[in-house]
Protein backbone atom coordinates (compact mmCIF):
# COMPACT_ATOMS: atom_id res chain seq x y z
CA MET A 1 66.91 -17.77 40.58
CA ALA A 2 67.99 -17.77 37.26
CA SER A 3 68.81 -14.46 35.39
CA ASN A 4 66.01 -16.24 32.63
CA LYS A 5 63.24 -16.49 35.59
CA LEU A 6 64.05 -12.97 37.21
CA ALA A 7 63.25 -11.21 34.11
CA LEU A 8 60.30 -12.69 33.79
CA LEU A 9 59.49 -11.97 36.95
CA ASN A 10 60.13 -8.30 36.40
CA ILE A 11 58.57 -8.20 33.41
CA LEU A 12 55.52 -9.40 35.33
CA ILE A 13 55.46 -7.01 38.40
CA SER A 14 56.08 -3.95 35.17
CA LEU A 15 52.97 -5.19 33.97
CA LEU A 16 50.96 -5.37 36.91
CA PHE A 17 52.38 -1.99 37.95
CA ALA A 18 51.23 -0.81 34.88
CA GLY A 19 47.42 -2.15 35.40
CA LEU A 20 47.46 -0.34 38.59
CA ILE A 21 48.33 2.87 37.24
CA ILE A 22 46.14 2.23 34.32
CA GLY A 23 43.19 1.28 36.77
CA ALA A 24 44.60 4.39 39.47
CA ALA A 25 44.35 6.81 36.95
CA GLN A 26 40.88 6.02 35.56
CA LEU A 27 39.40 5.56 39.16
CA PHE A 28 40.96 8.74 40.41
CA GLN A 29 39.65 10.91 37.33
CA GLY A 30 38.65 14.46 38.28
CA GLU A 31 40.61 13.79 41.99
CA GLU A 32 43.53 16.85 42.76
CA TYR A 33 45.46 13.68 44.40
CA LYS A 34 45.29 11.60 41.15
CA ASP A 35 49.34 12.67 40.55
CA THR A 36 49.74 11.72 43.35
CA VAL A 37 48.90 8.20 43.60
CA THR A 38 50.66 7.94 39.85
CA TYR A 39 53.88 8.54 41.15
CA LEU A 40 53.54 6.68 44.73
CA LEU A 41 53.02 4.00 42.08
CA ILE A 42 55.68 4.18 40.23
CA ALA A 43 57.89 5.29 43.14
CA LEU A 44 56.13 1.30 44.34
CA TRP A 45 57.45 -0.27 41.33
CA PHE A 46 61.33 1.02 41.29
CA ILE A 47 61.68 -0.71 44.36
CA PRO A 48 61.10 -4.52 43.17
CA PHE A 49 62.44 -3.29 39.86
CA SER A 50 65.38 -2.10 40.84
CA TRP A 51 66.00 -5.28 43.44
CA LEU A 52 65.26 -7.71 40.14
CA SER A 53 67.40 -5.68 38.31
CA TYR A 54 70.37 -6.00 40.45
CA LYS A 55 70.28 -9.63 40.74
CA SER A 56 69.68 -10.72 37.58
CA SER A 57 72.63 -8.50 37.06
CA LYS A 58 74.42 -10.06 39.62
CA LEU A 59 74.12 -13.98 38.02
CA LYS A 60 75.74 -12.93 34.37
């Protein structure tokens, strides 16, 4: 995959996870495990972000 496509995919995945985090914050408002859900989503986002960043840097 081209570096530009990997960067675009990384941005799209980041925006998707940002939406999920905002949605989870609204959905779990007032719940005691709202922070845990947010941290799990951030941890899940970090996996594809790191992998795509690594692949993008290898192509340069």
